[in-house]
Amino acid sequence: MNFELLLQLIINGLIVGLLYGVVGMCFVLVYKSTQIVNFAQGEFLLVGAWVCWAFLIYMELPFVVGFLLTLCFMAVFGVLLQMIVLRPMIGEPIISVIMVTIGLSIFFQSLTKWIFGVSPQSYPKVFDTQSVSVFGLNIELAYLMSTIIALCIMVGFFFFFKYSKHGLAMRATAFDQQVAQSLGISVKQVFAMSWGIAATVSATAGVVIGMVNGVSDSLSSIGIKVFPAVILGGLDSIVGAIVGGVIIGVLENVAEFFDSQYLHIGNMYDIAPFYVLLVILWFKPYGLFGTRDIERI
């Protein structure tokens, strides 16, 4: 067994899993505050990555400036999307709102293809050295940067929800929208804020992955990969989203290793997380950290 390759893949899986966890947190954030499962989450990564690429290529901005402008753009983008498209759907059946997010996913995929084309594009060179050696393992600098950013985002989420006024308002809205409104909390503002944060944080993950693999339509598939991670951890658990993301990130890399070395089935990288998801949900229907929902009939 090639233990060095296995260790390399596990480390890569941990790093990518943290990104999955960050995007999963956005899934949970939108679901807890609005009770909507956003199937356009992957398109937030795609749009953010393309917008940053456009700032760097067409406007020739430094990476830091382009990245910060992208975050500002995506924050406004997420808020406007909620206000214009999703706010009129308040009070409608949940399945109707979910179908709207699926429609948004298809729309943004088509829009980015029309604007930027279908060919993958590479980011300009950001670092002088693309990878560094850590204990004999080659790690992409972009992934190291993503690890630091992901940890900062997680710490930021903790302090935001625990100590800030807006974070407490979001927690109250997630617990009970009617009670929150009776306490003077603007539920509409909370909804818009949650979509703005989700778009901004997801765009961060899209830019990092785009720096390593280039920008292409495949970025939107991250949303589909993150969905099992969220279900695995629990659809209403921030901690569960992080744990589920790390598990899925490591699992798909380990599955790829054993498939390439021994099984030779093919495509295990993509399908292994879904098999494990099914097995775990047999025993934990609400996910590892999800809240058990008991209804009286």
Protein backbone atom coordinates (compact mmCIF):
# COMPACT_ATOMS: atom_id res chain seq x y z
CA MET A 1 0.00 0.00 0.00
CA ASN A 2 1.28 3.45 -0.93
CA PHE A 3 0.91 5.11 2.48
CA GLU A 4 2.50 8.35 1.32
CA LEU A 5 -0.13 8.79 -1.40
CA LEU A 6 -2.90 7.84 1.04
CA LEU A 7 -1.68 10.43 3.56
CA GLN A 8 -1.45 13.06 0.81
CA LEU A 9 -5.06 12.37 -0.21
CA ILE A 10 -6.27 12.45 3.40
CA ILE A 11 -4.63 15.85 3.96
CA ASN A 12 -6.15 17.15 0.72
CA GLY A 13 -9.49 15.73 1.83
CA LEU A 14 -9.30 17.54 5.17
CA ILE A 15 -8.54 20.85 3.45
CA VAL A 16 -11.28 20.47 0.84
CA GLY A 17 -13.60 19.17 3.57
CA LEU A 18 -13.19 22.43 5.46
CA LEU A 19 -14.34 24.27 2.33
CA TYR A 20 -17.30 21.90 2.08
CA GLY A 21 -18.03 22.67 5.72
CA VAL A 22 -17.96 26.42 5.08
CA VAL A 23 -20.40 26.07 2.17
CA GLY A 24 -22.47 23.67 4.28
CA MET A 25 -22.72 26.33 6.98
CA CYS A 26 -24.34 28.58 4.36
CA PHE A 27 -26.86 25.83 3.57
CA VAL A 28 -27.72 25.60 7.26
CA LEU A 29 -27.80 29.37 7.71
CA VAL A 30 -30.38 29.82 4.94
CA TYR A 31 -32.41 26.80 6.08
CA LYS A 32 -32.52 27.76 9.75
CA SER A 33 -33.54 31.36 9.09
CA THR A 34 -35.92 30.86 6.16
CA GLN A 35 -36.78 27.11 6.20
CA ILE A 36 -35.63 26.95 2.56
CA VAL A 37 -33.21 24.41 1.12
CA ASN A 38 -31.21 26.45 -1.38
CA PHE A 39 -30.38 24.26 -4.37
CA ALA A 40 -28.67 27.25 -6.03
CA GLN A 41 -25.89 27.25 -3.43
CA GLY A 42 -23.37 25.77 -5.88
CA GLU A 43 -24.09 28.59 -8.32
CA PHE A 44 -22.99 31.10 -5.67
CA LEU A 45 -19.54 29.50 -5.89
CA LEU A 46 -19.66 29.61 -9.69
CA VAL A 47 -20.78 33.25 -9.93
CA GLY A 48 -18.28 34.38 -7.29
CA ALA A 49 -15.38 32.61 -9.01
CA TRP A 50 -16.27 34.09 -12.41
CA VAL A 51 -16.72 37.61 -11.02
CA CYS A 52 -13.31 37.49 -9.30
CA TRP A 53 -11.74 36.10 -12.49
CA ALA A 54 -13.27 38.99 -14.47
CA PHE A 55 -11.89 41.56 -12.02
CA LEU A 56 -8.41 40.04 -12.31
CA ILE A 57 -8.39 39.51 -16.10
CA TYR A 58 -10.46 42.33 -17.59
CA MET A 59 -9.73 45.06 -15.04
CA GLU A 60 -6.22 43.75 -14.19
CA LEU A 61 -6.71 44.37 -10.48
CA PRO A 62 -4.40 42.90 -7.82
CA PHE A 63 -5.77 39.68 -6.38
CA VAL A 64 -6.52 41.10 -2.92
CA VAL A 65 -8.46 44.03 -4.40
CA GLY A 66 -10.34 41.82 -6.84
CA PHE A 67 -11.14 39.32 -4.10
CA LEU A 68 -12.50 41.99 -1.73
CA LEU A 69 -14.57 43.55 -4.53
CA THR A 70 -15.96 40.10 -5.30
CA LEU A 71 -17.08 39.65 -1.69
CA CYS A 72 -18.80 43.05 -1.77
CA PHE A 73 -20.48 42.21 -5.08
CA MET A 74 -21.70 38.84 -3.82
CA ALA A 75 -23.07 40.33 -0.59
CA VAL A 76 -25.21 42.76 -2.61
CA PHE A 77 -26.04 39.99 -5.10
CA GLY A 78 -27.35 37.69 -2.35
CA VAL A 79 -29.43 40.42 -0.70
CA LEU A 80 -30.99 41.56 -3.99
CA LEU A 81 -31.70 37.97 -5.00
CA GLN A 82 -33.64 37.40 -1.79
CA MET A 83 -35.51 40.70 -2.02
CA ILE A 84 -36.48 40.49 -5.69
CA VAL A 85 -36.99 36.77 -6.29
CA LEU A 86 -37.58 35.02 -2.97
CA ARG A 87 -39.30 37.62 -0.79
CA PRO A 88 -42.50 37.51 -2.90
CA MET A 89 -42.56 33.73 -2.25
CA ILE A 90 -42.98 34.17 1.53
CA GLY A 91 -46.07 32.25 2.62
CA GLU A 92 -46.09 30.02 -0.45
CA PRO A 93 -45.72 26.22 -0.13
CA ILE A 94 -42.14 25.13 0.59
CA ILE A 95 -42.02 22.95 -2.52
CA SER A 96 -42.75 26.03 -4.66
CA VAL A 97 -39.85 27.94 -3.10
CA ILE A 98 -37.53 24.96 -3.56
CA MET A 99 -38.49 24.79 -7.24
CA VAL A 100 -37.60 28.50 -7.53
CA THR A 101 -34.09 27.80 -6.17
CA ILE A 102 -33.71 24.95 -8.68
CA GLY A 103 -34.79 27.35 -11.43
CA LEU A 104 -32.24 29.89 -10.20
CA SER A 105 -29.57 27.20 -10.37
CA ILE A 106 -30.34 26.46 -14.02
CA PHE A 107 -30.61 30.17 -14.86
CA PHE A 108 -27.23 31.12 -13.38
CA GLN A 109 -25.51 28.16 -15.02
CA SER A 110 -26.85 29.25 -18.40
CA LEU A 111 -26.06 32.92 -17.73
CA THR A 112 -22.41 32.26 -16.85
CA LYS A 113 -22.03 30.08 -19.96
CA TRP A 114 -23.46 32.87 -22.11
CA ILE A 115 -21.23 35.56 -20.57
CA PHE A 116 -17.96 33.68 -20.02
CA GLY A 117 -18.24 30.73 -22.41
CA VAL A 118 -17.94 27.04 -21.68
CA SER A 119 -14.16 26.67 -21.71
CA PRO A 120 -12.39 26.43 -18.31
CA GLN A 121 -10.27 29.46 -17.46
CA SER A 122 -7.25 29.75 -15.17
CA TYR A 123 -6.67 32.46 -12.63
CA PRO A 124 -3.61 34.67 -13.02
CA LYS A 125 -0.63 33.56 -10.99
CA VAL A 126 -1.26 34.68 -7.42
CA PHE A 127 1.68 33.14 -5.56
CA ASP A 128 5.28 32.95 -6.71
CA THR A 129 5.36 29.35 -5.47
CA GLN A 130 2.30 27.23 -6.21
CA SER A 131 2.94 24.59 -3.54
CA VAL A 132 5.02 24.05 -0.43
CA SER A 133 6.38 20.91 1.19
CA VAL A 134 4.97 20.12 4.63
CA PHE A 135 6.52 17.05 6.25
CA GLY A 136 7.37 15.76 2.79
CA LEU A 137 3.88 16.37 1.41
CA ASN A 138 3.20 18.88 -1.38
CA ILE A 139 0.36 21.22 -0.40
CA GLU A 140 -1.09 23.87 -2.71
CA LEU A 141 -0.61 27.37 -1.28
CA ALA A 142 -4.17 28.17 -2.30
CA TYR A 143 -5.39 25.29 -0.15
CA LEU A 144 -3.31 26.49 2.80
CA MET A 145 -4.83 29.93 2.33
CA SER A 146 -8.28 28.35 2.16
CA THR A 147 -7.68 26.52 5.43
CA ILE A 148 -6.84 29.76 7.21
CA ILE A 149 -9.84 31.53 5.63
CA ALA A 150 -12.18 28.65 6.49
CA LEU A 151 -11.08 28.60 10.12
CA CYS A 152 -11.47 32.40 10.33
CA ILE A 153 -14.97 32.15 8.87
CA MET A 154 -15.94 29.47 11.38
CA VAL A 155 -14.63 31.54 14.30
CA GLY A 156 -16.38 34.59 12.84
CA PHE A 157 -19.67 32.68 12.63
CA PHE A 158 -19.32 31.65 16.28
CA PHE A 159 -18.82 35.19 17.57
CA PHE A 160 -21.40 36.61 15.15
CA PHE A 161 -24.18 34.30 16.32
CA LYS A 162 -23.25 34.39 20.00
CA TYR A 163 -22.51 38.06 20.64
CA SER A 164 -23.72 40.34 17.81
CA LYS A 165 -27.21 41.87 17.72
CA HIS A 166 -27.84 40.68 14.17
CA GLY A 167 -26.59 37.19 15.02
CA LEU A 168 -28.97 36.95 17.98
CA ALA A 169 -31.79 38.17 15.74
CA MET A 170 -30.99 35.40 13.24
CA ARG A 171 -30.97 32.80 16.00
CA ALA A 172 -34.31 34.03 17.29
CA THR A 173 -35.79 33.97 13.78
CA ALA A 174 -34.49 30.45 13.24
CA PHE A 175 -36.14 29.34 16.49
CA ASP A 176 -39.56 30.87 15.80
CA GLN A 177 -40.31 33.51 13.16
CA GLN A 178 -43.57 34.67 14.72
CA VAL A 179 -42.07 35.10 18.18
CA ALA A 180 -39.07 36.94 16.70
CA GLN A 181 -41.38 39.32 14.85
CA SER A 182 -43.39 39.98 18.01
CA LEU A 183 -40.12 41.01 19.70
CA GLY A 184 -39.50 43.68 17.08
CA ILE A 185 -37.10 41.73 14.87
CA SER A 186 -37.44 42.41 11.16
CA VAL A 187 -37.75 38.92 9.71
CA LYS A 188 -37.42 40.30 6.16
CA GLN A 189 -34.05 41.85 7.05
CA VAL A 190 -32.90 38.59 8.62
CA PHE A 191 -33.84 36.69 5.46
CA ALA A 192 -31.93 39.16 3.26
CA MET A 193 -28.92 39.08 5.58
CA SER A 194 -28.77 35.28 5.57
CA TRP A 195 -28.76 35.15 1.76
CA GLY A 196 -26.14 37.90 1.58
CA ILE A 197 -23.85 36.05 4.00
CA ALA A 198 -24.43 32.73 2.21
CA ALA A 199 -23.52 34.23 -1.18
CA THR A 200 -20.40 35.95 0.18
CA VAL A 201 -19.01 32.94 2.04
CA SER A 202 -19.77 30.54 -0.82
CA ALA A 203 -18.00 32.87 -3.26
CA THR A 204 -14.89 32.64 -1.06
CA ALA A 205 -14.86 28.87 -1.50
CA GLY A 206 -15.47 29.26 -5.24
CA VAL A 207 -12.49 31.59 -5.66
CA VAL A 208 -10.15 29.26 -3.74
CA ILE A 209 -11.18 26.18 -5.71
CA GLY A 210 -10.98 28.19 -8.93
CA MET A 211 -7.41 29.20 -8.10
CA VAL A 212 -6.41 25.52 -7.92
CA ASN A 213 -8.57 23.87 -10.57
CA GLY A 214 -9.57 26.81 -12.77
CA VAL A 215 -13.05 28.27 -13.23
CA SER A 216 -15.60 26.12 -15.03
CA ASP A 217 -19.17 24.89 -14.74
CA SER A 218 -17.97 22.05 -12.52
CA LEU A 219 -17.79 24.51 -9.62
CA SER A 220 -21.56 24.45 -9.36
CA SER A 221 -21.42 20.71 -8.63
CA ILE A 222 -19.83 21.57 -5.27
CA GLY A 223 -23.33 22.46 -4.11
CA ILE A 224 -24.47 18.91 -4.85
CA LYS A 225 -21.44 17.49 -3.03
CA VAL A 226 -22.05 19.69 -0.02
CA PHE A 227 -25.69 18.64 0.25
CA PRO A 228 -24.83 15.11 1.50
CA ALA A 229 -22.42 16.70 3.98
CA VAL A 230 -25.20 18.90 5.35
CA ILE A 231 -27.69 16.03 5.56
CA LEU A 232 -25.01 13.87 7.17
CA GLY A 233 -24.24 16.45 9.86
CA GLY A 234 -27.84 17.57 10.33
CA LEU A 235 -29.72 20.11 8.24
CA ASP A 236 -30.18 22.48 11.18
CA SER A 237 -26.72 22.15 12.77
CA ILE A 238 -23.82 24.51 12.03
CA VAL A 239 -21.37 22.16 13.77
CA GLY A 240 -22.87 19.25 11.89
CA ALA A 241 -22.25 21.01 8.56
CA ILE A 242 -18.55 21.40 9.41
CA VAL A 243 -18.16 17.81 10.61
CA GLY A 244 -20.14 16.46 7.66
CA GLY A 245 -18.03 18.50 5.22
CA VAL A 246 -14.77 17.15 6.64
CA ILE A 247 -16.11 13.57 6.59
CA ILE A 248 -17.21 13.86 2.96
CA GLY A 249 -13.93 15.54 1.93
CA VAL A 250 -11.80 12.79 3.46
CA LEU A 251 -14.13 10.01 2.37
CA GLU A 252 -14.13 10.88 -1.32
CA ASN A 253 -10.33 11.07 -1.40
CA VAL A 254 -9.91 7.76 0.45
CA ALA A 255 -12.47 6.15 -1.87
CA GLU A 256 -10.51 7.43 -4.87
CA PHE A 257 -7.30 5.91 -3.44
CA PHE A 258 -8.76 2.44 -2.88
CA ASP A 259 -10.57 2.51 -6.21
CA SER A 260 -7.41 3.44 -8.14
CA GLN A 261 -5.22 0.97 -6.25
CA TYR A 262 -7.47 -2.05 -5.75
CA LEU A 263 -11.14 -1.86 -6.78
CA HIS A 264 -10.94 -0.27 -10.25
CA ILE A 265 -14.68 0.39 -10.29
CA GLY A 266 -14.39 3.98 -11.46
CA ASN A 267 -16.08 7.18 -10.28
CA MET A 268 -15.92 6.20 -6.59
CA TYR A 269 -14.73 9.74 -5.83
CA ASP A 270 -18.19 11.07 -6.69
CA ILE A 271 -20.51 8.31 -5.52
CA ALA A 272 -18.91 7.05 -2.28
CA PRO A 273 -20.23 9.96 -0.14
CA PHE A 274 -23.80 9.20 -1.21
CA TYR A 275 -23.46 5.51 -0.28
CA VAL A 276 -22.16 6.41 3.16
CA LEU A 277 -24.89 9.02 3.51
CA LEU A 278 -27.56 6.38 2.93
CA VAL A 279 -25.99 3.99 5.46
CA ILE A 280 -25.74 6.66 8.18
CA LEU A 281 -29.27 7.93 7.61
CA TRP A 282 -30.60 4.40 8.16
CA PHE A 283 -29.44 4.69 11.76
CA LYS A 284 -29.51 8.51 12.23
CA PRO A 285 -32.39 9.88 10.13
CA TYR A 286 -31.82 13.43 11.40
CA GLY A 287 -28.06 13.35 10.77
CA LEU A 288 -25.25 13.16 13.28
CA PHE A 289 -26.10 16.47 15.00
CA GLY A 290 -29.58 17.24 13.69
CA THR A 291 -32.49 18.03 15.99
CA ARG A 292 -35.05 15.25 16.31
CA ASP A 293 -38.44 16.53 15.18
CA ILE A 294 -41.37 14.85 16.94
CA GLU A 295 -44.91 15.68 15.84
CA ARG A 296 -48.12 14.66 17.59
CA ILE A 297 -50.82 13.28 15.35
